[in-house]
Amino acid sequence: MAQFRLQGSKVLAVDMTGDAVKAKNGSMVAYDGEIAFKKMSGGGDGVRGMVTRRLTGEQMTVMEAKGHGTCFFADRASEINLVNLTGDKLYVESSNLLCTDAGLRTGTSFTGLRGGATGNGLFTTTVEGHGQAAILSDGQAVVLRVTPQYPLQVDPGAYIAHLGNLNQSFQSGVNFRTLMGEGSGEAFQIRFEGDGLVYVQPSERNTVGGDV
């Protein structure tokens, strides 16, 4: 299995000994050794994944890197966060997914208005299995624990990813832009309940759902 490690906080180094990884297209910044690259259409697993992405608007173009050596990945100087998966499922915005072990399964999951809020349609990307994934954030990501006793509300523009046994709902609420009189309508939030982790970034995207 390929080994993921960080070079600083904004470059991912992946050591491969005949292994393969899937990475965001165009994110390779350097490599050494004998590594071959192949563009993969759609970003999902198989024909179903490709068709699903085209129908849902969850666009993610990826490439496969395979061989012996070290490959370095980065994307617009974004911070990189490593996630270890042990059979669980990671839900992540497609624009925030940098790289995964090739053995991890990728797909799409219906999220309702939350997906529409982030500009990625009504679906989000899923990654599951055993291995590592690297996700991007605008600024250093914060990992927040959700428990049955302590649900969590998140601004759609700050949301990156989540994993664990979590239920999410999209609800009206108030955010800081509304309080300061900068909003043009009703604000919305994502509510997480259950037991798991939520990744948020300290920078908000321009969203539809965050300020409708």
Protein backbone atom coordinates (compact mmCIF):
# COMPACT_ATOMS: atom_id res chain seq x y z
CA MET A 1 0.00 0.00 0.00
CA ALA A 2 1.26 3.48 -0.85
CA GLN A 3 2.51 5.53 2.10
CA PHE A 4 1.17 9.06 2.56
CA ARG A 5 3.19 11.72 4.40
CA LEU A 6 3.16 15.50 4.54
CA GLN A 7 6.01 17.72 3.38
CA GLY A 8 5.11 20.75 5.43
CA SER A 9 1.36 21.36 5.48
CA LYS A 10 0.72 22.03 1.79
CA VAL A 11 2.48 19.23 -0.08
CA LEU A 12 1.59 15.53 0.04
CA ALA A 13 4.37 13.01 -0.59
CA VAL A 14 3.29 9.50 -1.59
CA ASP A 15 5.87 6.71 -1.54
CA MET A 16 5.00 3.90 -3.96
CA THR A 17 6.56 0.49 -4.48
CA GLY A 18 4.47 -0.71 -7.40
CA ASP A 19 1.32 0.74 -5.83
CA ALA A 20 -1.20 3.13 -7.32
CA VAL A 21 -3.05 6.18 -6.07
CA LYS A 22 -5.84 8.32 -7.49
CA ALA A 23 -5.32 12.07 -7.31
CA LYS A 24 -6.98 15.27 -8.41
CA ASN A 25 -6.12 15.91 -12.02
CA GLY A 26 -3.26 18.38 -12.39
CA SER A 27 -2.22 18.20 -8.72
CA MET A 28 1.15 16.47 -9.30
CA VAL A 29 3.96 18.97 -8.71
CA ALA A 30 7.02 16.65 -8.79
CA TYR A 31 8.07 13.00 -8.71
CA ASP A 32 11.12 10.79 -8.68
CA GLY A 33 11.55 7.19 -9.79
CA GLU A 34 9.54 5.36 -12.44
CA ILE A 35 5.91 6.47 -12.19
CA ALA A 36 3.29 6.38 -14.93
CA PHE A 37 0.27 8.69 -15.03
CA LYS A 38 -3.12 8.00 -16.57
CA LYS A 39 -6.14 10.30 -16.71
CA MET A 40 -9.36 8.71 -15.46
CA SER A 41 -12.70 9.97 -16.75
CA GLY A 42 -15.48 10.76 -14.31
CA GLY A 43 -13.67 10.07 -11.04
CA GLY A 44 -16.06 7.34 -9.87
CA ASP A 45 -15.57 3.59 -9.92
CA GLY A 46 -16.71 2.08 -13.19
CA VAL A 47 -19.33 3.16 -15.69
CA ARG A 48 -21.98 3.70 -13.02
CA GLY A 49 -19.75 6.19 -11.23
CA MET A 50 -19.11 8.10 -14.44
CA VAL A 51 -22.79 8.28 -15.35
CA THR A 52 -23.82 9.25 -11.82
CA ARG A 53 -21.39 12.14 -11.77
CA ARG A 54 -22.59 13.45 -15.10
CA LEU A 55 -26.21 13.31 -14.00
CA THR A 56 -25.66 14.85 -10.58
CA GLY A 57 -23.12 17.53 -11.42
CA GLU A 58 -20.61 16.19 -8.88
CA GLN A 59 -17.60 16.74 -11.11
CA MET A 60 -14.23 15.28 -10.14
CA THR A 61 -11.57 14.57 -12.76
CA VAL A 62 -8.82 12.34 -11.40
CA MET A 63 -5.60 10.73 -12.58
CA GLU A 64 -3.91 7.51 -11.55
CA ALA A 65 -0.25 7.45 -10.57
CA LYS A 66 1.42 4.05 -10.43
CA GLY A 67 4.96 2.78 -10.14
CA HIS A 68 8.06 2.93 -7.96
CA GLY A 69 9.18 6.20 -6.42
CA THR A 70 7.77 9.23 -4.67
CA CYS A 71 5.11 11.51 -6.08
CA PHE A 72 4.34 14.95 -4.70
CA PHE A 73 0.86 16.48 -4.87
CA ALA A 74 -0.46 19.96 -4.03
CA ASP A 75 -3.35 22.20 -5.04
CA ARG A 76 -3.21 26.02 -4.96
CA ALA A 77 -1.24 26.08 -1.70
CA SER A 78 -4.21 24.60 0.18
CA GLU A 79 -3.66 22.90 3.52
CA ILE A 80 -3.65 19.10 3.35
CA ASN A 81 -5.22 16.80 5.93
CA LEU A 82 -4.64 13.03 6.12
CA VAL A 83 -7.55 10.72 6.93
CA ASN A 84 -7.05 7.05 7.83
CA LEU A 85 -9.98 4.86 6.85
CA THR A 86 -10.45 1.46 8.49
CA GLY A 87 -13.51 0.23 6.67
CA ASP A 88 -15.57 3.36 7.29
CA LYS A 89 -16.95 5.83 4.75
CA LEU A 90 -15.73 9.39 4.26
CA TYR A 91 -18.08 11.99 2.78
CA VAL A 92 -16.13 14.84 1.17
CA GLU A 93 -16.77 17.66 -1.27
CA SER A 94 -15.20 16.72 -4.60
CA SER A 95 -13.21 19.97 -4.76
CA ASN A 96 -11.64 19.11 -1.39
CA LEU A 97 -10.46 15.59 -2.28
CA LEU A 98 -6.77 15.56 -3.27
CA CYS A 99 -5.64 11.93 -3.26
CA THR A 100 -6.68 8.41 -2.20
CA ASP A 101 -5.23 4.93 -2.15
CA ALA A 102 -6.26 3.24 -5.40
CA GLY A 103 -7.85 0.43 -3.39
CA LEU A 104 -10.37 2.77 -1.79
CA ARG A 105 -13.80 2.84 -3.43
CA THR A 106 -15.16 6.20 -4.55
CA GLY A 107 -18.75 7.03 -5.36
CA THR A 108 -21.52 9.57 -4.80
CA SER A 109 -24.15 10.03 -2.13
CA PHE A 110 -27.34 12.10 -2.17
CA THR A 111 -27.20 14.97 0.31
CA GLY A 112 -30.19 17.12 -0.60
CA LEU A 113 -29.83 20.86 -0.37
CA ARG A 114 -26.46 20.68 1.36
CA GLY A 115 -24.82 19.64 -1.86
CA GLY A 116 -26.62 22.37 -3.75
CA ALA A 117 -25.40 24.89 -1.20
CA THR A 118 -21.76 24.22 -1.97
CA GLY A 119 -22.16 24.46 -5.71
CA ASN A 120 -21.51 20.75 -6.32
CA GLY A 121 -25.07 19.69 -7.07
CA LEU A 122 -27.22 17.53 -4.79
CA PHE A 123 -24.57 14.83 -4.31
CA THR A 124 -21.23 14.58 -2.56
CA THR A 125 -18.25 12.27 -3.04
CA THR A 126 -17.80 9.17 -0.88
CA VAL A 127 -14.58 7.30 -0.17
CA GLU A 128 -14.65 3.97 1.68
CA GLY A 129 -12.51 0.97 2.52
CA HIS A 130 -9.12 0.53 4.15
CA GLY A 131 -6.40 3.06 3.35
CA GLN A 132 -5.53 6.72 3.39
CA ALA A 133 -7.09 9.78 1.81
CA ALA A 134 -5.83 13.36 1.66
CA ILE A 135 -8.33 16.21 1.76
CA LEU A 136 -7.82 19.92 1.14
CA SER A 137 -8.85 22.92 3.18
CA ASP A 138 -8.59 26.69 2.77
CA GLY A 139 -6.58 27.31 5.92
CA GLN A 140 -5.88 24.75 8.64
CA ALA A 141 -8.86 22.44 9.04
CA VAL A 142 -10.56 21.89 12.39
CA VAL A 143 -11.87 18.42 13.27
CA LEU A 144 -14.98 18.59 15.45
CA ARG A 145 -16.44 15.66 17.37
CA VAL A 146 -20.18 15.02 17.25
CA THR A 147 -21.82 12.89 19.96
CA PRO A 148 -25.47 12.02 20.65
CA GLN A 149 -25.39 14.57 23.47
CA TYR A 150 -23.74 17.30 21.41
CA PRO A 151 -25.04 17.79 17.85
CA LEU A 152 -23.24 20.26 15.63
CA GLN A 153 -24.36 23.08 13.31
CA VAL A 154 -22.02 23.99 10.44
CA ASP A 155 -22.09 26.75 7.86
CA PRO A 156 -22.31 25.09 4.39
CA GLY A 157 -19.44 27.21 3.11
CA ALA A 158 -17.08 25.98 5.84
CA TYR A 159 -17.95 22.29 5.54
CA ILE A 160 -15.30 19.98 4.03
CA ALA A 161 -16.02 16.40 5.02
CA HIS A 162 -17.39 14.05 7.67
CA LEU A 163 -17.21 10.42 8.70
CA GLY A 164 -18.78 8.18 11.30
CA ASN A 165 -22.36 7.33 12.17
CA LEU A 166 -23.83 10.75 11.46
CA ASN A 167 -27.19 12.00 10.24
CA GLN A 168 -27.30 15.37 8.56
CA SER A 169 -30.13 17.75 7.88
CA PHE A 170 -30.37 21.14 6.25
CA GLN A 171 -32.15 23.73 8.38
CA SER A 172 -32.79 27.42 8.48
CA GLY A 173 -30.91 29.43 11.03
CA VAL A 174 -28.76 32.47 11.53
CA ASN A 175 -25.15 32.99 10.55
CA PHE A 176 -22.82 35.89 11.20
CA ARG A 177 -23.47 37.51 7.83
CA THR A 178 -27.17 37.71 8.63
CA LEU A 179 -26.48 39.13 12.10
CA MET A 180 -24.24 41.82 10.63
CA GLY A 181 -26.82 42.79 8.04
CA GLU A 182 -24.74 41.46 5.12
CA GLY A 183 -27.12 38.69 4.12
CA SER A 184 -29.70 39.06 1.40
CA GLY A 185 -32.17 36.50 2.74
CA GLU A 186 -32.61 33.53 5.05
CA ALA A 187 -29.46 31.73 6.24
CA PHE A 188 -29.10 27.95 6.33
CA GLN A 189 -26.96 25.52 8.28
CA ILE A 190 -26.07 21.83 8.20
CA ARG A 191 -26.99 19.99 11.40
CA PHE A 192 -25.08 16.81 12.28
CA GLU A 193 -26.40 14.33 14.83
CA GLY A 194 -24.99 10.99 15.96
CA ASP A 195 -21.39 9.94 16.57
CA GLY A 196 -18.54 10.97 14.28
CA LEU A 197 -16.17 13.66 13.07
CA VAL A 198 -16.78 16.76 10.94
CA TYR A 199 -14.01 18.64 9.12
CA VAL A 200 -14.47 22.38 8.69
CA GLN A 201 -12.23 25.05 7.22
CA PRO A 202 -11.66 28.60 8.55
CA SER A 203 -12.75 30.12 5.25
CA GLU A 204 -16.19 30.12 3.68
CA ARG A 205 -16.99 29.46 0.05
CA ASN A 206 -19.58 31.61 -1.66
CA THR A 207 -22.65 29.40 -1.35
CA VAL A 208 -26.29 29.41 -2.31
CA GLY A 209 -27.49 27.53 0.74
CA GLY A 210 -25.51 29.57 3.23
CA ASP A 211 -27.37 32.71 2.26
CA VAL A 212 -30.50 32.24 0.17
